[in-house]
Amino acid sequence: MWNYDVTIIPREYTKEGIAKPLTSLGDFIDQNPDIKIVSLTTPDYLGFQIHHEEILALKRRGLLVFLDAAHGAHFRELGIFNESADIICESWHKTLPVYTGGSVLQICKYTSEKLADICRMLRAKLHTTSPSYVTLSSFDTTIDMLENNKINFLDVAVQINNIKFQHPEYTYLDGDITAKLTINVSPKYFEDAGIIPETSFGRWTNFIITPFNVDKLPLIEEILKKAKPIKRPVNIYIPKAPKKLPRKVKEDAEIDFIEIEDSLGRISATDVGAYPPGVPVLFEGQKITKSHIKYLLKTKDHSFNLVNGNIAVVEK
């Protein structure tokens, strides 16, 4: 959005389209010495984290580190709040009792006040002058609950781990100490019983479990007693990302919305991807390939930036 020169960190994925852990960024930084800022997602959509030491290694190189910790708002309550980064963005509405859209941008106390002022300035460009005061009030309530130890995620982690122990016939994808429960079972078992998961993809069904819905875990366990695990992997090949972001589409470009099947060779007018992994697989200004089309057709029910199932392309 700010027209930075962006280099994309190459990621590897399993056959099911699940991101493999980032183990070392040292070689990547050595090959791209001009990089000044690194943006990382941790924990990711499934709860997997980038190791604290990896972030500190970037800081020791003099880089500014931004963390998208949307799914980690509850980590502070667990005592694992990551203060090694310069800027951290958390979506409190995902795992804490804050209303939808309630997110925070935090500047590390060891970072310069000037950087904080720059962030305040850029934030003002993006935000409405009429915020939801109901949402802001829910922040106050949540902060009070956190300060007075009225939120207990350790108990949630214990109960989630107990389900995993009681049902070893299933496979679980979630990272450690998270509010996620991802199981290799069809969502239809749950939906037929009136239980709506957070999401489903391939053979996996995902739930977000917090202190505010943990009392419903026995309902999930009852379904697991009757359901059957899906053992055969569903292959989801994720197209390789370009090394550099393509050029942005010109502001005066004519945009057309067409079916995915008809988009081969056209130029995408926006970033498109799916959750998980929650990152674009097709970038604004990039030519659409057969691999993109195959992936988007397979993931269109949990994708982002499609419009009524159609893809936005540059008309000419």
Protein backbone atom coordinates (compact mmCIF):
# COMPACT_ATOMS: atom_id res chain seq x y z
CA MET A 1 0.00 0.00 0.00
CA TRP A 2 2.95 2.33 0.65
CA ASN A 3 4.83 1.32 -2.53
CA TYR A 4 7.77 -0.28 -0.75
CA ASP A 5 10.22 -2.37 -2.76
CA VAL A 6 9.20 -5.83 -1.55
CA THR A 7 11.15 -9.07 -1.71
CA ILE A 8 9.09 -12.16 -0.84
CA ILE A 9 10.53 -14.73 1.58
CA PRO A 10 10.45 -18.10 -0.24
CA ARG A 11 8.32 -20.64 1.61
CA GLU A 12 7.97 -24.38 1.28
CA TYR A 13 4.63 -26.13 1.65
CA THR A 14 3.50 -29.69 2.27
CA LYS A 15 1.49 -31.51 -0.40
CA GLU A 16 -1.62 -30.36 1.46
CA GLY A 17 -0.73 -26.69 1.11
CA ILE A 18 0.41 -26.22 4.71
CA ALA A 19 3.40 -23.94 5.27
CA LYS A 20 6.53 -25.64 6.57
CA PRO A 21 8.31 -23.89 9.48
CA LEU A 22 10.79 -21.10 8.77
CA THR A 23 14.00 -22.43 10.28
CA SER A 24 16.61 -19.88 9.21
CA LEU A 25 16.42 -16.52 7.48
CA GLY A 26 20.16 -15.87 7.59
CA ASP A 27 20.89 -17.07 4.04
CA PHE A 28 17.90 -15.14 2.69
CA ILE A 29 19.12 -11.90 4.28
CA ASP A 30 22.68 -12.53 3.04
CA GLN A 31 21.34 -12.89 -0.53
CA ASN A 32 19.28 -9.69 -0.17
CA PRO A 33 21.54 -7.26 1.75
CA ASP A 34 19.43 -4.20 0.88
CA ILE A 35 16.50 -5.39 3.01
CA LYS A 36 15.78 -3.03 5.93
CA ILE A 37 12.46 -4.33 7.30
CA VAL A 38 11.25 -7.93 7.71
CA SER A 39 7.55 -8.74 8.11
CA LEU A 40 6.68 -12.16 9.56
CA THR A 41 3.46 -13.92 10.54
CA THR A 42 3.62 -15.67 13.91
CA PRO A 43 1.65 -17.54 15.06
CA ASP A 44 0.18 -18.49 11.70
CA TYR A 45 -3.43 -19.47 11.00
CA LEU A 46 -2.91 -22.95 12.45
CA GLY A 47 -1.00 -21.73 15.51
CA PHE A 48 2.58 -22.54 14.45
CA GLN A 49 5.20 -20.04 15.61
CA ILE A 50 8.54 -18.67 14.40
CA HIS A 51 11.13 -19.30 17.09
CA HIS A 52 12.03 -16.37 19.34
CA GLU A 53 15.75 -16.80 18.56
CA GLU A 54 15.08 -16.42 14.82
CA ILE A 55 13.55 -12.98 15.43
CA LEU A 56 16.41 -11.93 17.72
CA ALA A 57 18.90 -12.97 15.02
CA LEU A 58 17.23 -10.52 12.62
CA LYS A 59 17.40 -7.77 15.24
CA ARG A 60 21.12 -8.42 15.76
CA ARG A 61 21.60 -7.75 12.04
CA GLY A 62 20.11 -4.27 12.54
CA LEU A 63 16.81 -5.04 10.80
CA LEU A 64 13.45 -3.64 11.85
CA VAL A 65 11.06 -6.54 12.55
CA PHE A 66 7.27 -6.35 12.13
CA LEU A 67 5.17 -9.26 13.40
CA ASP A 68 1.67 -10.02 12.19
CA ALA A 69 0.53 -11.80 15.36
CA ALA A 70 -3.18 -11.64 14.53
CA HIS A 71 -3.83 -15.07 16.05
CA GLY A 72 -1.59 -14.53 19.09
CA ALA A 73 -3.46 -11.91 21.13
CA HIS A 74 -3.83 -14.42 24.00
CA PHE A 75 -0.07 -15.08 24.24
CA ARG A 76 0.44 -12.25 26.76
CA GLU A 77 -1.89 -14.06 29.16
CA LEU A 78 0.28 -17.16 28.75
CA GLY A 79 3.43 -15.17 29.56
CA ILE A 80 4.98 -15.64 26.10
CA PHE A 81 4.42 -12.16 24.70
CA ASN A 82 7.09 -11.56 22.07
CA GLU A 83 8.88 -8.28 22.85
CA SER A 84 11.79 -9.00 20.55
CA ALA A 85 10.09 -7.35 17.55
CA ASP A 86 9.77 -3.59 16.89
CA ILE A 87 6.11 -3.57 15.84
CA ILE A 88 3.46 -6.18 16.61
CA CYS A 89 -0.07 -6.25 15.24
CA GLU A 90 -2.60 -8.41 17.14
CA SER A 91 -6.26 -9.08 16.33
CA TRP A 92 -7.75 -9.14 19.81
CA HIS A 93 -11.15 -10.05 18.40
CA LYS A 94 -9.92 -13.52 17.37
CA THR A 95 -9.10 -15.00 20.77
CA LEU A 96 -10.02 -12.33 23.35
CA PRO A 97 -13.50 -10.93 24.23
CA VAL A 98 -13.20 -7.92 21.90
CA TYR A 99 -15.81 -7.21 19.24
CA THR A 100 -15.09 -7.87 15.57
CA GLY A 101 -12.51 -5.56 13.99
CA GLY A 102 -10.76 -4.86 17.30
CA SER A 103 -7.01 -4.98 16.63
CA VAL A 104 -3.99 -3.30 18.19
CA LEU A 105 -0.70 -2.03 16.77
CA GLN A 106 2.01 -2.16 19.43
CA ILE A 107 5.42 -0.50 19.38
CA CYS A 108 8.13 -2.10 21.51
CA LYS A 109 9.25 0.13 24.39
CA TYR A 110 12.87 -0.29 23.24
CA THR A 111 12.02 1.13 19.79
CA SER A 112 12.37 4.84 19.02
CA GLU A 113 9.52 7.24 19.75
CA LYS A 114 9.94 8.63 16.23
CA LEU A 115 8.98 5.25 14.77
CA ALA A 116 5.90 5.23 17.01
CA ASP A 117 4.94 8.69 15.69
CA ILE A 118 5.39 7.53 12.08
CA CYS A 119 3.10 4.55 12.80
CA ARG A 120 0.50 6.88 14.34
CA MET A 121 0.64 9.09 11.24
CA LEU A 122 0.23 6.19 8.79
CA ARG A 123 -2.51 4.64 10.93
CA ALA A 124 -4.45 7.92 10.73
CA LYS A 125 -4.36 7.67 6.92
CA LEU A 126 -6.02 4.26 7.01
CA HIS A 127 -8.56 4.66 9.80
CA THR A 128 -12.02 6.11 9.97
CA THR A 129 -12.66 9.22 12.06
CA SER A 130 -15.74 7.44 13.44
CA PRO A 131 -14.46 4.33 15.25
CA SER A 132 -16.82 1.89 16.91
CA TYR A 133 -16.98 2.98 20.54
CA VAL A 134 -18.67 -0.32 21.39
CA THR A 135 -15.54 -2.10 20.14
CA LEU A 136 -13.29 0.33 22.04
CA SER A 137 -15.31 -0.28 25.20
CA SER A 138 -14.78 -4.04 24.79
CA PHE A 139 -11.02 -3.35 24.79
CA ASP A 140 -11.36 -1.66 28.19
CA THR A 141 -13.29 -4.63 29.55
CA THR A 142 -10.72 -7.09 28.19
CA ILE A 143 -7.74 -5.15 29.57
CA ASP A 144 -9.42 -5.17 32.98
CA MET A 145 -9.93 -8.93 32.72
CA LEU A 146 -6.29 -9.50 31.73
CA GLU A 147 -4.94 -7.29 34.53
CA ASN A 148 -7.08 -9.08 37.11
CA ASN A 149 -6.29 -12.60 35.85
CA LYS A 150 -9.87 -13.33 34.80
CA ILE A 151 -8.85 -15.03 31.54
CA ASN A 152 -7.22 -18.46 31.70
CA PHE A 153 -5.83 -19.94 28.48
CA LEU A 154 -3.68 -22.51 30.27
CA ASP A 155 -6.84 -24.36 31.27
CA VAL A 156 -7.98 -24.22 27.61
CA ALA A 157 -4.63 -25.71 26.49
CA VAL A 158 -5.00 -28.51 29.03
CA GLN A 159 -8.50 -29.37 27.81
CA ILE A 160 -7.45 -29.30 24.13
CA ASN A 161 -4.49 -31.58 24.88
CA ASN A 162 -6.81 -33.90 26.81
CA ILE A 163 -8.98 -34.34 23.69
CA LYS A 164 -5.87 -35.17 21.66
CA PHE A 165 -4.82 -37.73 24.28
CA GLN A 166 -8.29 -39.32 24.42
CA HIS A 167 -8.57 -39.56 20.60
CA PRO A 168 -5.20 -40.68 19.18
CA GLU A 169 -7.01 -42.10 16.15
CA TYR A 170 -7.07 -38.54 14.75
CA THR A 171 -4.19 -36.33 13.57
CA TYR A 172 -3.86 -32.75 14.85
CA LEU A 173 -2.12 -29.85 13.11
CA ASP A 174 -2.03 -27.11 15.75
CA GLY A 175 1.10 -25.56 17.18
CA ASP A 176 1.92 -25.59 20.89
CA ILE A 177 0.00 -23.51 23.48
CA THR A 178 -2.50 -22.12 21.02
CA ALA A 179 -6.24 -21.65 20.89
CA LYS A 180 -6.50 -23.86 17.81
CA LEU A 181 -7.83 -27.37 17.31
CA THR A 182 -7.33 -28.69 13.77
CA ILE A 183 -8.48 -32.26 13.11
CA ASN A 184 -8.47 -34.57 10.06
CA VAL A 185 -12.24 -35.03 9.95
CA SER A 186 -15.05 -33.83 7.68
CA PRO A 187 -16.82 -30.65 8.90
CA LYS A 188 -20.15 -32.25 7.93
CA TYR A 189 -20.17 -34.28 11.17
CA PHE A 190 -20.14 -31.06 13.17
CA GLU A 191 -22.42 -29.02 10.92
CA ASP A 192 -25.09 -31.72 11.03
CA ALA A 193 -25.04 -31.34 14.83
CA GLY A 194 -25.32 -27.53 14.65
CA ILE A 195 -21.63 -26.89 15.40
CA ILE A 196 -19.98 -24.47 12.95
CA PRO A 197 -16.16 -24.73 12.71
CA GLU A 198 -13.88 -21.74 12.19
CA THR A 199 -12.94 -23.15 8.77
CA SER A 200 -12.29 -26.34 6.82
CA PHE A 201 -9.85 -27.10 4.00
CA GLY A 202 -8.75 -30.31 2.34
CA ARG A 203 -9.24 -33.05 4.95
CA TRP A 204 -8.91 -30.64 7.91
CA THR A 205 -11.49 -28.97 10.15
CA ASN A 206 -10.34 -26.07 12.34
CA PHE A 207 -11.76 -24.61 15.56
CA ILE A 208 -10.71 -21.61 17.67
CA ILE A 209 -11.07 -22.54 21.35
CA THR A 210 -10.98 -19.81 24.03
CA PRO A 211 -12.08 -19.48 27.68
CA PHE A 212 -15.35 -18.10 26.32
CA ASN A 213 -16.40 -21.19 24.37
CA VAL A 214 -14.30 -23.94 26.01
CA ASP A 215 -17.45 -25.23 27.72
CA LYS A 216 -18.54 -26.44 24.25
CA LEU A 217 -15.53 -28.76 23.88
CA PRO A 218 -17.52 -31.78 25.17
CA LEU A 219 -19.86 -31.31 22.16
CA ILE A 220 -16.87 -31.59 19.81
CA GLU A 221 -15.60 -34.65 21.68
CA GLU A 222 -18.99 -36.37 21.35
CA ILE A 223 -18.81 -35.90 17.57
CA LEU A 224 -15.25 -37.30 17.49
CA LYS A 225 -16.49 -40.47 19.18
CA LYS A 226 -18.88 -41.09 16.26
CA ALA A 227 -16.91 -39.64 13.33
CA LYS A 228 -14.11 -41.21 11.30
CA PRO A 229 -10.74 -39.59 10.51
CA ILE A 230 -9.88 -38.78 6.90
CA LYS A 231 -6.49 -40.42 6.49
CA ARG A 232 -5.85 -39.86 2.81
CA PRO A 233 -4.23 -36.42 2.22
CA VAL A 234 -5.93 -33.98 -0.15
CA ASN A 235 -3.20 -32.53 -2.37
CA ILE A 236 -3.25 -28.74 -2.71
CA TYR A 237 -0.28 -27.49 -4.72
CA ILE A 238 0.54 -23.85 -3.96
CA PRO A 239 2.07 -21.95 -6.91
CA LYS A 240 5.54 -20.58 -6.29
CA ALA A 241 5.59 -16.91 -5.34
CA PRO A 242 7.63 -14.45 -7.42
CA LYS A 243 10.87 -13.21 -5.86
CA LYS A 244 9.76 -9.58 -6.18
CA LEU A 245 6.30 -8.09 -6.05
CA PRO A 246 5.04 -7.31 -9.58
CA ARG A 247 4.30 -3.73 -10.59
CA LYS A 248 1.08 -2.32 -9.24
CA VAL A 249 -1.81 -2.00 -11.68
CA LYS A 250 -2.19 1.60 -12.92
CA GLU A 251 -4.86 3.55 -11.07
CA ASP A 252 -6.71 4.38 -14.32
CA ALA A 253 -6.67 0.77 -15.58
CA GLU A 254 -10.01 -0.71 -16.59
CA ILE A 255 -10.93 -3.71 -14.43
CA ASP A 256 -13.04 -6.68 -15.51
CA PHE A 257 -14.47 -9.53 -13.38
CA ILE A 258 -14.37 -12.93 -15.05
CA GLU A 259 -14.63 -16.59 -14.12
CA ILE A 260 -11.43 -18.18 -12.85
CA GLU A 261 -11.48 -20.74 -15.68
CA ASP A 262 -11.29 -17.92 -18.26
CA SER A 263 -8.41 -16.00 -16.68
CA LEU A 264 -5.39 -17.81 -18.17
CA GLY A 265 -2.77 -15.29 -19.33
CA ARG A 266 -4.64 -12.28 -17.95
CA ILE A 267 -3.14 -9.80 -15.45
CA SER A 268 -4.58 -9.97 -11.94
CA ALA A 269 -5.90 -6.65 -10.63
CA THR A 270 -5.50 -7.64 -6.97
CA ASP A 271 -3.84 -10.09 -4.58
CA VAL A 272 -5.67 -13.42 -4.29
CA GLY A 273 -5.15 -16.36 -1.95
CA ALA A 274 -6.84 -18.64 0.56
CA TYR A 275 -6.87 -19.44 4.28
CA PRO A 276 -4.69 -21.23 5.12
CA PRO A 277 -1.93 -20.20 4.52
CA GLY A 278 -3.49 -16.72 4.48
CA VAL A 279 -0.98 -15.20 2.08
CA PRO A 280 -1.48 -14.31 -1.60
CA VAL A 281 -0.55 -16.92 -4.17
CA LEU A 282 -1.38 -14.49 -6.98
CA PHE A 283 -0.28 -10.88 -6.71
CA GLU A 284 -1.61 -7.66 -8.21
CA GLY A 285 0.07 -7.15 -11.59
CA GLN A 286 1.01 -10.84 -11.98
CA LYS A 287 0.15 -12.93 -15.04
CA ILE A 288 -2.29 -15.75 -14.22
CA THR A 289 -0.97 -19.26 -14.97
CA LYS A 290 -2.52 -22.73 -15.13
CA SER A 291 -1.14 -23.39 -11.62
CA HIS A 292 -2.96 -20.33 -10.25
CA ILE A 293 -6.23 -21.40 -11.85
CA LYS A 294 -5.94 -24.98 -10.56
CA TYR A 295 -5.23 -23.74 -7.02
CA LEU A 296 -7.99 -21.11 -6.96
CA LEU A 297 -10.62 -23.53 -8.27
CA LYS A 298 -9.72 -25.97 -5.49
CA THR A 299 -9.75 -23.32 -2.73
CA LYS A 300 -12.39 -20.83 -3.92
CA ASP A 301 -14.74 -21.67 -0.99
CA HIS A 302 -12.18 -20.30 1.51
CA SER A 303 -10.34 -17.74 -0.62
CA PHE A 304 -9.97 -13.98 -0.26
CA ASN A 305 -10.34 -11.15 -2.80
CA LEU A 306 -12.50 -13.06 -5.26
CA VAL A 307 -15.72 -11.19 -6.05
CA ASN A 308 -18.79 -13.44 -6.19
CA GLY A 309 -16.42 -16.25 -7.19
CA ASN A 310 -14.94 -14.20 -10.05
CA ILE A 311 -11.42 -12.86 -10.34
CA ALA A 312 -10.56 -9.20 -11.05
CA VAL A 313 -8.30 -8.74 -14.06
CA VAL A 314 -6.97 -5.80 -16.04
CA GLU A 315 -9.22 -5.37 -19.07
CA LYS A 316 -6.38 -4.77 -21.50
